PDB file of N, CA and C in Angstrom:
ATOM      1  N   MET A   1      -7.335  15.006 -94.528  1.00  0.00           N
ATOM      2  CA  MET A   1      -8.974  14.940 -94.228  1.00  0.00           C
ATOM      3  C   MET A   1      -9.935  15.391 -93.096  1.00  0.00           C
ATOM      4  N   HIS A   2     -11.013  16.059 -93.471  1.00  0.00           N
ATOM      5  CA  HIS A   2     -11.539  17.128 -93.077  1.00  0.00           C
ATOM      6  C   HIS A   2     -12.274  16.426 -91.902  1.00  0.00           C
ATOM      7  N   THR A   3     -12.464  17.508 -90.379  1.00  0.00           N
ATOM      8  CA  THR A   3     -13.386  16.291 -90.096  1.00  0.00           C
ATOM      9  C   THR A   3     -14.295  17.471 -89.416  1.00  0.00           C
ATOM     10  N   VAL A   4     -14.606  18.147 -90.237  1.00  0.00           N
ATOM     11  CA  VAL A   4     -16.294  19.096 -89.816  1.00  0.00           C
ATOM     12  C   VAL A   4     -16.138  19.726 -91.095  1.00  0.00           C
ATOM     13  N   ASP A   5     -17.329  18.764 -92.156  1.00  0.00           N
ATOM     14  CA  ASP A   5     -17.782  19.869 -93.446  1.00  0.00           C
ATOM     15  C   ASP A   5     -18.273  20.894 -93.485  1.00  0.00           C
ATOM     16  N   LEU A   6     -18.672  21.334 -92.252  1.00  0.00           N
ATOM     17  CA  LEU A   6     -19.241  22.403 -92.223  1.00  0.00           C
ATOM     18  C   LEU A   6     -19.271  23.344 -90.509  1.00  0.00           C
ATOM     19  N   LEU A   7     -18.950  24.397 -90.582  1.00  0.00           N
ATOM     20  CA  LEU A   7     -19.165  25.011 -89.433  1.00  0.00           C
ATOM     21  C   LEU A   7     -20.396  26.487 -89.819  1.00  0.00           C
ATOM     22  N   VAL A   8     -21.103  26.326 -88.456  1.00  0.00           N
ATOM     23  CA  VAL A   8     -22.372  27.973 -88.744  1.00  0.00           C
ATOM     24  C   VAL A   8     -22.213  28.635 -87.499  1.00  0.00           C
ATOM     25  N   VAL A   9     -21.755  30.381 -87.712  1.00  0.00           N
ATOM     26  CA  VAL A   9     -22.347  30.681 -86.807  1.00  0.00           C
ATOM     27  C   VAL A   9     -22.772  31.671 -86.872  1.00  0.00           C
ATOM     28  N   GLY A  10     -24.037  31.803 -85.942  1.00  0.00           N
ATOM     29  CA  GLY A  10     -24.887  33.094 -85.839  1.00  0.00           C
ATOM     30  C   GLY A  10     -25.387  33.680 -84.687  1.00  0.00           C
ATOM     31  N   ARG A  11     -25.852  34.676 -84.940  1.00  0.00           N
ATOM     32  CA  ARG A  11     -26.276  34.800 -83.654  1.00  0.00           C
ATOM     33  C   ARG A  11     -27.914  34.265 -82.586  1.00  0.00           C
ATOM     34  N   GLY A  12     -28.285  33.854 -83.828  1.00  0.00           N
ATOM     35  CA  GLY A  12     -30.107  33.205 -83.284  1.00  0.00           C
ATOM     36  C   GLY A  12     -29.585  31.925 -82.834  1.00  0.00           C
ATOM     37  N   GLN A  13     -29.724  31.098 -81.604  1.00  0.00           N
ATOM     38  CA  GLN A  13     -29.404  29.695 -81.112  1.00  0.00           C
ATOM     39  C   GLN A  13     -30.452  28.806 -82.579  1.00  0.00           C
ATOM     40  N   ASN A  14     -32.418  29.475 -82.311  1.00  0.00           N
ATOM     41  CA  ASN A  14     -33.296  28.801 -83.653  1.00  0.00           C
ATOM     42  C   ASN A  14     -32.375  28.693 -85.520  1.00  0.00           C
ATOM     43  N   VAL A  15     -31.702  29.851 -85.568  1.00  0.00           N
ATOM     44  CA  VAL A  15     -31.250  29.303 -87.489  1.00  0.00           C
ATOM     45  C   VAL A  15     -30.182  28.469 -87.010  1.00  0.00           C
ATOM     46  N   VAL A  16     -28.802  28.730 -85.792  1.00  0.00           N
ATOM     47  CA  VAL A  16     -27.830  27.496 -86.063  1.00  0.00           C
ATOM     48  C   VAL A  16     -28.841  26.139 -86.168  1.00  0.00           C
ATOM     49  N   ASP A  17     -30.072  25.942 -84.553  1.00  0.00           N
ATOM     50  CA  ASP A  17     -30.145  24.325 -85.140  1.00  0.00           C
ATOM     51  C   ASP A  17     -30.409  24.202 -86.240  1.00  0.00           C
ATOM     52  N   THR A  18     -31.255  25.258 -86.752  1.00  0.00           N
ATOM     53  CA  THR A  18     -32.286  24.726 -88.152  1.00  0.00           C
ATOM     54  C   THR A  18     -30.753  24.339 -89.244  1.00  0.00           C
ATOM     55  N   ALA A  19     -30.094  24.766 -89.023  1.00  0.00           N
ATOM     56  CA  ALA A  19     -28.319  24.313 -90.233  1.00  0.00           C
ATOM     57  C   ALA A  19     -28.460  23.256 -90.015  1.00  0.00           C
ATOM     58  N   ILE A  20     -28.539  22.742 -88.456  1.00  0.00           N
ATOM     59  CA  ILE A  20     -27.819  21.967 -88.083  1.00  0.00           C
ATOM     60  C   ILE A  20     -28.243  20.463 -88.355  1.00  0.00           C
ATOM     61  N   ALA A  21     -29.574  19.955 -87.824  1.00  0.00           N
ATOM     62  CA  ALA A  21     -30.341  19.434 -88.230  1.00  0.00           C
ATOM     63  C   ALA A  21     -30.746  19.580 -90.447  1.00  0.00           C
ATOM     64  N   TYR A  22     -30.554  20.509 -90.522  1.00  0.00           N
ATOM     65  CA  TYR A  22     -30.838  20.272 -92.129  1.00  0.00           C
ATOM     66  C   TYR A  22     -29.536  19.589 -92.688  1.00  0.00           C
ATOM     67  N   ILE A  23     -28.556  20.255 -92.174  1.00  0.00           N
ATOM     68  CA  ILE A  23     -27.009  19.721 -92.865  1.00  0.00           C
ATOM     69  C   ILE A  23     -27.064  18.221 -92.649  1.00  0.00           C
ATOM     70  N   ASP A  24     -27.221  17.659 -91.194  1.00  0.00           N
ATOM     71  CA  ASP A  24     -26.828  16.918 -90.926  1.00  0.00           C
ATOM     72  C   ASP A  24     -27.592  15.726 -91.579  1.00  0.00           C
ATOM     73  N   GLY A  25     -28.896  15.990 -91.603  1.00  0.00           N
ATOM     74  CA  GLY A  25     -30.223  14.941 -92.388  1.00  0.00           C
ATOM     75  C   GLY A  25     -29.372  14.559 -94.159  1.00  0.00           C
ATOM     76  N   LEU A  26     -28.697  15.706 -94.037  1.00  0.00           N
ATOM     77  CA  LEU A  26     -27.781  14.823 -96.134  1.00  0.00           C
ATOM     78  C   LEU A  26     -26.693  14.069 -95.628  1.00  0.00           C
ATOM     79  N   GLY A  27     -26.741  13.795 -93.973  1.00  0.00           N
ATOM     80  CA  GLY A  27     -25.468  13.093 -93.734  1.00  0.00           C
ATOM     81  C   GLY A  27     -24.064  13.884 -93.954  1.00  0.00           C
ATOM     82  N   TYR A  28     -23.723  14.753 -93.438  1.00  0.00           N
ATOM     83  CA  TYR A  28     -22.526  15.377 -93.620  1.00  0.00           C
ATOM     84  C   TYR A  28     -22.076  16.239 -91.795  1.00  0.00           C
ATOM     85  N   ARG A  29     -20.707  15.932 -91.731  1.00  0.00           N
ATOM     86  CA  ARG A  29     -20.698  16.051 -90.469  1.00  0.00           C
ATOM     87  C   ARG A  29     -20.024  18.394 -90.159  1.00  0.00           C
ATOM     88  N   ILE A  30     -21.237  18.677 -89.093  1.00  0.00           N
ATOM     89  CA  ILE A  30     -21.679  19.879 -88.996  1.00  0.00           C
ATOM     90  C   ILE A  30     -21.954  20.336 -87.415  1.00  0.00           C
ATOM     91  N   LEU A  31     -21.139  21.478 -87.542  1.00  0.00           N
ATOM     92  CA  LEU A  31     -21.003  21.712 -86.004  1.00  0.00           C
ATOM     93  C   LEU A  31     -21.949  23.353 -85.869  1.00  0.00           C
ATOM     94  N   GLY A  32     -22.259  23.874 -85.086  1.00  0.00           N
ATOM     95  CA  GLY A  32     -23.157  25.577 -84.915  1.00  0.00           C
ATOM     96  C   GLY A  32     -22.312  25.633 -83.768  1.00  0.00           C
ATOM     97  N   THR A  33     -22.517  27.315 -83.150  1.00  0.00           N
ATOM     98  CA  THR A  33     -22.631  28.127 -82.084  1.00  0.00           C
ATOM     99  C   THR A  33     -22.527  29.121 -82.879  1.00  0.00           C
ATOM    100  N   THR A  34     -23.170  29.900 -81.676  1.00  0.00           N
ATOM    101  CA  THR A  34     -23.400  31.278 -81.141  1.00  0.00           C
ATOM    102  C   THR A  34     -22.756  32.007 -80.638  1.00  0.00           C
ATOM    103  N   LEU A  35     -21.416  31.274 -80.347  1.00  0.00           N
ATOM    104  CA  LEU A  35     -20.801  32.410 -79.997  1.00  0.00           C
ATOM    105  C   LEU A  35     -19.005  32.282 -80.476  1.00  0.00           C
ATOM    106  N   ASP A  36     -19.113  33.039 -80.508  1.00  0.00           N
ATOM    107  CA  ASP A  36     -17.810  33.454 -80.882  1.00  0.00           C
ATOM    108  C   ASP A  36     -16.056  32.841 -80.592  1.00  0.00           C
ATOM    109  N   GLU A  37     -15.807  32.529 -79.137  1.00  0.00           N
ATOM    110  CA  GLU A  37     -14.915  31.696 -78.803  1.00  0.00           C
ATOM    111  C   GLU A  37     -14.852  30.455 -78.781  1.00  0.00           C
ATOM    112  N   GLU A  38     -16.154  30.102 -79.096  1.00  0.00           N
ATOM    113  CA  GLU A  38     -16.301  28.689 -78.997  1.00  0.00           C
ATOM    114  C   GLU A  38     -16.017  28.176 -80.739  1.00  0.00           C
ATOM    115  N   ALA A  39     -16.884  28.698 -81.631  1.00  0.00           N
ATOM    116  CA  ALA A  39     -16.267  28.905 -83.437  1.00  0.00           C
ATOM    117  C   ALA A  39     -14.649  29.146 -83.123  1.00  0.00           C
ATOM    118  N   LEU A  40     -13.904  30.035 -82.303  1.00  0.00           N
ATOM    119  CA  LEU A  40     -12.422  29.959 -82.825  1.00  0.00           C
ATOM    120  C   LEU A  40     -11.990  28.766 -82.213  1.00  0.00           C
ATOM    121  N   ASP A  41     -12.313  28.370 -80.917  1.00  0.00           N
ATOM    122  CA  ASP A  41     -11.576  26.982 -80.492  1.00  0.00           C
ATOM    123  C   ASP A  41     -12.521  25.835 -81.458  1.00  0.00           C
ATOM    124  N   ILE A  42     -12.924  25.628 -82.206  1.00  0.00           N
ATOM    125  CA  ILE A  42     -13.542  24.173 -83.443  1.00  0.00           C
ATOM    126  C   ILE A  42     -12.875  24.819 -84.481  1.00  0.00           C
ATOM    127  N   LEU A  43     -12.354  25.938 -84.638  1.00  0.00           N
ATOM    128  CA  LEU A  43     -11.373  25.804 -85.859  1.00  0.00           C
ATOM    129  C   LEU A  43     -10.227  25.836 -85.846  1.00  0.00           C
ATOM    130  N   ASP A  44      -9.714  26.071 -84.435  1.00  0.00           N
ATOM    131  CA  ASP A  44      -8.694  25.480 -83.826  1.00  0.00           C
ATOM    132  C   ASP A  44      -7.839  24.018 -83.414  1.00  0.00           C
ATOM    133  N   ARG A  45      -9.350  22.893 -83.060  1.00  0.00           N
ATOM    134  CA  ARG A  45      -9.500  22.021 -83.251  1.00  0.00           C
ATOM    135  C   ARG A  45      -9.281  20.447 -84.741  1.00  0.00           C
ATOM    136  N   GLU A  46     -10.448  21.800 -85.162  1.00  0.00           N
ATOM    137  CA  GLU A  46     -10.952  20.809 -86.457  1.00  0.00           C
ATOM    138  C   GLU A  46     -10.611  21.242 -87.065  1.00  0.00           C
ATOM    139  N   GLN A  47     -10.472  20.073 -88.497  1.00  0.00           N
ATOM    140  CA  GLN A  47     -10.645  20.143 -89.821  1.00  0.00           C
ATOM    141  C   GLN A  47     -11.485  21.003 -90.415  1.00  0.00           C
ATOM    142  N   VAL A  48     -11.804  21.925 -90.597  1.00  0.00           N
ATOM    143  CA  VAL A  48     -12.931  22.516 -91.033  1.00  0.00           C
ATOM    144  C   VAL A  48     -13.289  22.904 -92.587  1.00  0.00           C
ATOM    145  N   ARG A  49     -14.809  22.387 -93.792  1.00  0.00           N
ATOM    146  CA  ARG A  49     -13.712  22.857 -94.791  1.00  0.00           C
ATOM    147  C   ARG A  49     -14.165  23.885 -95.017  1.00  0.00           C
ATOM    148  N   PHE A  50     -15.661  24.147 -94.903  1.00  0.00           N
ATOM    149  CA  PHE A  50     -16.400  25.593 -94.956  1.00  0.00           C
ATOM    150  C   PHE A  50     -17.123  26.630 -93.415  1.00  0.00           C
ATOM    151  N   LEU A  51     -17.115  27.551 -93.545  1.00  0.00           N
ATOM    152  CA  LEU A  51     -17.719  28.361 -92.463  1.00  0.00           C
ATOM    153  C   LEU A  51     -18.417  28.957 -92.622  1.00  0.00           C
ATOM    154  N   VAL A  52     -19.560  29.189 -92.434  1.00  0.00           N
ATOM    155  CA  VAL A  52     -20.849  29.970 -92.624  1.00  0.00           C
ATOM    156  C   VAL A  52     -21.085  31.198 -91.882  1.00  0.00           C
ATOM    157  N   ILE A  53     -20.738  32.101 -92.233  1.00  0.00           N
ATOM    158  CA  ILE A  53     -20.770  32.958 -90.559  1.00  0.00           C
ATOM    159  C   ILE A  53     -21.757  33.632 -91.329  1.00  0.00           C
ATOM    160  N   GLY A  54     -23.299  33.857 -90.158  1.00  0.00           N
ATOM    161  CA  GLY A  54     -25.224  34.350 -90.059  1.00  0.00           C
ATOM    162  C   GLY A  54     -24.708  36.008 -90.165  1.00  0.00           C
ATOM    163  N   GLY A  55     -26.145  36.363 -91.435  1.00  0.00           N
ATOM    164  CA  GLY A  55     -25.930  37.665 -91.289  1.00  0.00           C
ATOM    165  C   GLY A  55     -25.729  38.241 -90.540  1.00  0.00           C
ATOM    166  N   GLY A  56     -26.118  38.529 -89.017  1.00  0.00           N
ATOM    167  CA  GLY A  56     -26.615  38.484 -87.846  1.00  0.00           C
ATOM    168  C   GLY A  56     -25.277  39.145 -86.644  1.00  0.00           C
ATOM    169  N   VAL A  57     -24.028  38.444 -87.511  1.00  0.00           N
ATOM    170  CA  VAL A  57     -22.489  38.327 -87.033  1.00  0.00           C
ATOM    171  C   VAL A  57     -22.007  39.752 -87.353  1.00  0.00           C
ATOM    172  N   GLU A  58     -21.485  40.532 -85.990  1.00  0.00           N
ATOM    173  CA  GLU A  58     -20.773  42.286 -86.077  1.00  0.00           C
ATOM    174  C   GLU A  58     -19.510  41.966 -86.702  1.00  0.00           C
ATOM    175  N   THR A  59     -19.266  42.783 -87.663  1.00  0.00           N
ATOM    176  CA  THR A  59     -18.103  43.176 -87.894  1.00  0.00           C
ATOM    177  C   THR A  59     -16.847  42.270 -88.044  1.00  0.00           C
ATOM    178  N   GLU A  60     -16.461  42.826 -86.522  1.00  0.00           N
ATOM    179  CA  GLU A  60     -15.608  42.302 -85.194  1.00  0.00           C
ATOM    180  C   GLU A  60     -15.440  41.087 -85.672  1.00  0.00           C
ATOM    181  N   SER A  61     -16.294  40.533 -85.710  1.00  0.00           N
ATOM    182  CA  SER A  61     -16.569  39.379 -85.195  1.00  0.00           C
ATOM    183  C   SER A  61     -16.373  38.636 -86.366  1.00  0.00           C
ATOM    184  N   ARG A  62     -17.097  38.761 -87.510  1.00  0.00           N
ATOM    185  CA  ARG A  62     -16.823  38.997 -88.828  1.00  0.00           C
ATOM    186  C   ARG A  62     -15.331  38.512 -89.247  1.00  0.00           C
ATOM    187  N   LYS A  63     -14.488  39.546 -88.457  1.00  0.00           N
ATOM    188  CA  LYS A  63     -13.177  39.944 -89.224  1.00  0.00           C
ATOM    189  C   LYS A  63     -12.566  38.687 -88.300  1.00  0.00           C
ATOM    190  N   ARG A  64     -12.626  38.597 -87.180  1.00  0.00           N
ATOM    191  CA  ARG A  64     -12.004  37.079 -86.447  1.00  0.00           C
ATOM    192  C   ARG A  64     -12.379  36.331 -86.858  1.00  0.00           C
ATOM    193  N   LEU A  65     -13.511  36.035 -87.309  1.00  0.00           N
ATOM    194  CA  LEU A  65     -13.283  34.124 -87.206  1.00  0.00           C
ATOM    195  C   LEU A  65     -13.189  34.568 -89.078  1.00  0.00           C
ATOM    196  N   THR A  66     -12.836  35.078 -89.662  1.00  0.00           N
ATOM    197  CA  THR A  66     -12.568  35.081 -91.237  1.00  0.00           C
ATOM    198  C   THR A  66     -10.435  34.781 -91.329  1.00  0.00           C
ATOM    199  N   ALA A  67     -10.429  35.708 -90.321  1.00  0.00           N
ATOM    200  CA  ALA A  67      -8.842  35.413 -90.203  1.00  0.00           C
ATOM    201  C   ALA A  67      -8.726  34.457 -89.683  1.00  0.00           C
ATOM    202  N   LYS A  68      -9.568  33.773 -89.154  1.00  0.00           N
ATOM    203  CA  LYS A  68      -9.158  32.391 -88.139  1.00  0.00           C
ATOM    204  C   LYS A  68      -8.900  30.761 -89.263  1.00  0.00           C
ATOM    205  N   ALA A  69     -10.598  31.057 -89.679  1.00  0.00           N
ATOM    206  CA  ALA A  69     -10.576  30.299 -91.403  1.00  0.00           C
ATOM    207  C   ALA A  69      -9.656  30.004 -92.265  1.00  0.00           C
ATOM    208  N   ASP A  70      -9.116  31.488 -92.033  1.00  0.00           N
ATOM    209  CA  ASP A  70      -8.128  31.651 -93.354  1.00  0.00           C
ATOM    210  C   ASP A  70      -6.753  30.902 -93.086  1.00  0.00           C
ATOM    211  N   GLU A  71      -6.448  31.428 -91.344  1.00  0.00           N
ATOM    212  CA  GLU A  71      -4.641  31.027 -91.167  1.00  0.00           C
ATOM    213  C   GLU A  71      -5.180  29.235 -90.524  1.00  0.00           C
ATOM    214  N   ARG A  72      -6.583  28.759 -90.927  1.00  0.00           N
ATOM    215  CA  ARG A  72      -6.428  26.647 -90.415  1.00  0.00           C
ATOM    216  C   ARG A  72      -6.716  26.941 -91.865  1.00  0.00           C
ATOM    217  N   GLY A  73      -7.280  27.536 -93.219  1.00  0.00           N
ATOM    218  CA  GLY A  73      -7.106  26.782 -94.597  1.00  0.00           C
ATOM    219  C   GLY A  73      -8.358  26.420 -94.607  1.00  0.00           C
ATOM    220  N   THR A  74      -9.552  27.559 -93.843  1.00  0.00           N
ATOM    221  CA  THR A  74     -11.115  26.640 -93.510  1.00  0.00           C
ATOM    222  C   THR A  74     -11.452  27.809 -95.068  1.00  0.00           C
ATOM    223  N   THR A  75     -12.215  27.689 -96.035  1.00  0.00           N
ATOM    224  CA  THR A  75     -13.093  28.313 -96.881  1.00  0.00           C
ATOM    225  C   THR A  75     -14.253  29.152 -95.938  1.00  0.00           C
ATOM    226  N   ALA A  76     -14.293  30.648 -95.965  1.00  0.00           N
ATOM    227  CA  ALA A  76     -15.027  31.229 -95.262  1.00  0.00           C
ATOM    228  C   ALA A  76     -16.060  32.005 -95.960  1.00  0.00           C
ATOM    229  N   VAL A  77     -17.842  31.450 -95.617  1.00  0.00           N
ATOM    230  CA  VAL A  77     -18.629  32.471 -96.598  1.00  0.00           C
ATOM    231  C   VAL A  77     -19.695  33.627 -95.525  1.00  0.00           C
ATOM    232  N   ALA A  78     -19.482  34.364 -95.943  1.00  0.00           N
ATOM    233  CA  ALA A  78     -20.515  35.387 -95.142  1.00  0.00           C
ATOM    234  C   ALA A  78     -21.757  34.926 -96.364  1.00  0.00           C
ATOM    235  N   ALA A  79     -23.059  34.500 -94.909  1.00  0.00           N
ATOM    236  CA  ALA A  79     -24.136  34.282 -95.716  1.00  0.00           C
ATOM    237  C   ALA A  79     -24.866  35.532 -95.755  1.00  0.00           C
ATOM    238  N   LYS A  80     -25.870  35.329 -96.863  1.00  0.00           N
ATOM    239  CA  LYS A  80     -26.646  36.370 -97.794  1.00  0.00           C
ATOM    240  C   LYS A  80     -28.095  35.758 -97.839  1.00  0.00           C
ATOM    241  N   ARG A  81     -29.186  35.242 -96.696  1.00  0.00           N
ATOM    242  CA  ARG A  81     -29.793  35.033 -97.495  1.00  0.00           C
ATOM    243  C   ARG A  81     -30.667  35.154 -98.630  1.00  0.00           C
ATOM    244  N   ALA A  82     -30.767  36.501 -98.351  1.00  0.00           N
ATOM    245  CA  ALA A  82     -31.612  38.006 -99.381  1.00  0.00           C
ATOM    246  C   ALA A  82     -33.515  36.793 -99.315  1.00  0.00           C
ATOM    247  N   GLY A  83     -33.787  36.740 -97.534  1.00  0.00           N
ATOM    248  CA  GLY A  83     -35.251  36.629 -97.894  1.00  0.00           C
ATOM    249  C   GLY A  83     -35.118  34.722 -97.256  1.00  0.00           C
ATOM    250  N   ARG A  84     -34.744  34.177 -97.760  1.00  0.00           N
ATOM    251  CA  ARG A  84     -34.793  33.030 -98.126  1.00  0.00           C
ATOM    252  C   ARG A  84     -34.696  32.349 -96.806  1.00  0.00           C
ATOM    253  N   ASP A  85     -35.722  31.430 -96.249  1.00  0.00           N
ATOM    254  CA  ASP A  85     -35.280  30.559 -95.341  1.00  0.00           C
ATOM    255  C   ASP A  85     -34.139  30.067 -95.181  1.00  0.00           C
ATOM    256  N   VAL A  86     -33.648  28.869 -93.770  1.00  0.00           N
ATOM    257  CA  VAL A  86     -32.332  28.846 -93.690  1.00  0.00           C
ATOM    258  C   VAL A  86     -32.121  27.573 -94.804  1.00  0.00           C
ATOM    259  N   GLU A  87     -33.069  26.741 -94.801  1.00  0.00           N
ATOM    260  CA  GLU A  87     -33.089  25.174 -95.300  1.00  0.00           C
ATOM    261  C   GLU A  87     -32.773  26.020 -96.684  1.00  0.00           C
ATOM    262  N   GLN A  88     -33.622  27.004 -97.273  1.00  0.00           N
ATOM    263  CA  GLN A  88     -33.903  26.754 -99.082  1.00  0.00           C
ATOM    264  C   GLN A  88     -32.242  27.666 -98.805  1.00  0.00           C
ATOM    265  N   TYR A  89     -31.995  28.942 -98.367  1.00  0.00           N
ATOM    266  CA  TYR A  89     -30.322  29.665 -98.660  1.00  0.00           C
ATOM    267  C   TYR A  89     -28.816  28.099 -99.031  1.00  0.00           C
ATOM    268  N   LEU A  90     -29.322  27.284 -97.702  1.00  0.00           N
ATOM    269  CA  LEU A  90     -28.310  26.188 -97.517  1.00  0.00           C
ATOM    270  C   LEU A  90     -28.004  25.148 -98.933  1.00  0.00           C
ATOM    271  N   ALA A  91     -29.399  24.913 -99.287  1.00  0.00           N
ATOM    272  CA  ALA A  91     -29.838  24.159-100.339  1.00  0.00           C
ATOM    273  C   ALA A  91     -29.119  25.066-101.610  1.00  0.00           C
ATOM    274  N   ASP A  92     -29.306  26.318-101.523  1.00  0.00           N
ATOM    275  CA  ASP A  92     -29.330  27.080-102.986  1.00  0.00           C
ATOM    276  C   ASP A  92     -27.924  27.557-102.665  1.00  0.00           C
ATOM    277  N   GLU A  93     -26.717  27.651-101.347  1.00  0.00           N
ATOM    278  CA  GLU A  93     -25.518  28.321-102.052  1.00  0.00           C
ATOM    279  C   GLU A  93     -24.350  27.320-100.962  1.00  0.00           C
ATOM    280  N   VAL A  94     -24.731  26.618-100.242  1.00  0.00           N
ATOM    281  CA  VAL A  94     -23.747  25.857 -99.422  1.00  0.00           C
ATOM    282  C   VAL A  94     -23.809  24.317 -99.662  1.00  0.00           C
ATOM    283  N   VAL A  95     -24.861  23.623-100.159  1.00  0.00           N
ATOM    284  CA  VAL A  95     -24.559  21.800-100.418  1.00  0.00           C
ATOM    285  C   VAL A  95     -24.431  22.213-101.819  1.00  0.00           C
ATOM    286  N   PRO A  96     -24.295  22.718-102.494  1.00  0.00           N
ATOM    287  CA  PRO A  96     -23.641  22.628-103.531  1.00  0.00           C
ATOM    288  C   PRO A  96     -22.489  22.388-103.813  1.00  0.00           C
ATOM    289  N   ALA A  97     -21.764  23.536-102.895  1.00  0.00           N
ATOM    290  CA  ALA A  97     -20.179  24.083-102.362  1.00  0.00           C
ATOM    291  C   ALA A  97     -19.468  22.445-101.724  1.00  0.00           C
ATOM    292  N   LEU A  98     -20.460  22.023-100.435  1.00  0.00           N
ATOM    293  CA  LEU A  98     -20.192  20.728-100.204  1.00  0.00           C
ATOM    294  C   LEU A  98     -19.852  19.204-100.876  1.00  0.00           C
ATOM    295  N   ARG A  99     -20.635  19.334-102.269  1.00  0.00           N
ATOM    296  CA  ARG A  99     -21.173  18.433-102.713  1.00  0.00           C
ATOM    297  C   ARG A  99     -19.525  18.367-104.048  1.00  0.00           C
ATOM    298  N   GLY A 100     -18.903  19.355-103.500  1.00  0.00           N
ATOM    299  CA  GLY A 100     -17.906  19.786-104.297  1.00  0.00           C
ATOM    300  C   GLY A 100     -18.184  20.340-106.223  1.00  0.00           C
TER     301      GLY A 100
END
């Protein structure tokens, strides 16, 4: 059983906050952070279904986060907003995956 449906890692607090508000409003369990170490700690202590890594996250950070997600059985996704706002990206790409 997953304890967290979605973990969002981004570099802008406003983007992370927007994602949290949107996904939480749909009734999913979500955590978010702008810090790699906090994200790694969450992956260590929680059963996370999906990890979304924002476009501004640096390559080395992406590698570390993805490796930890793989180790823990979490599906990692590199966000590609392609000009969409945060809510639209989540609605188009992430929510369908959460619904399974």
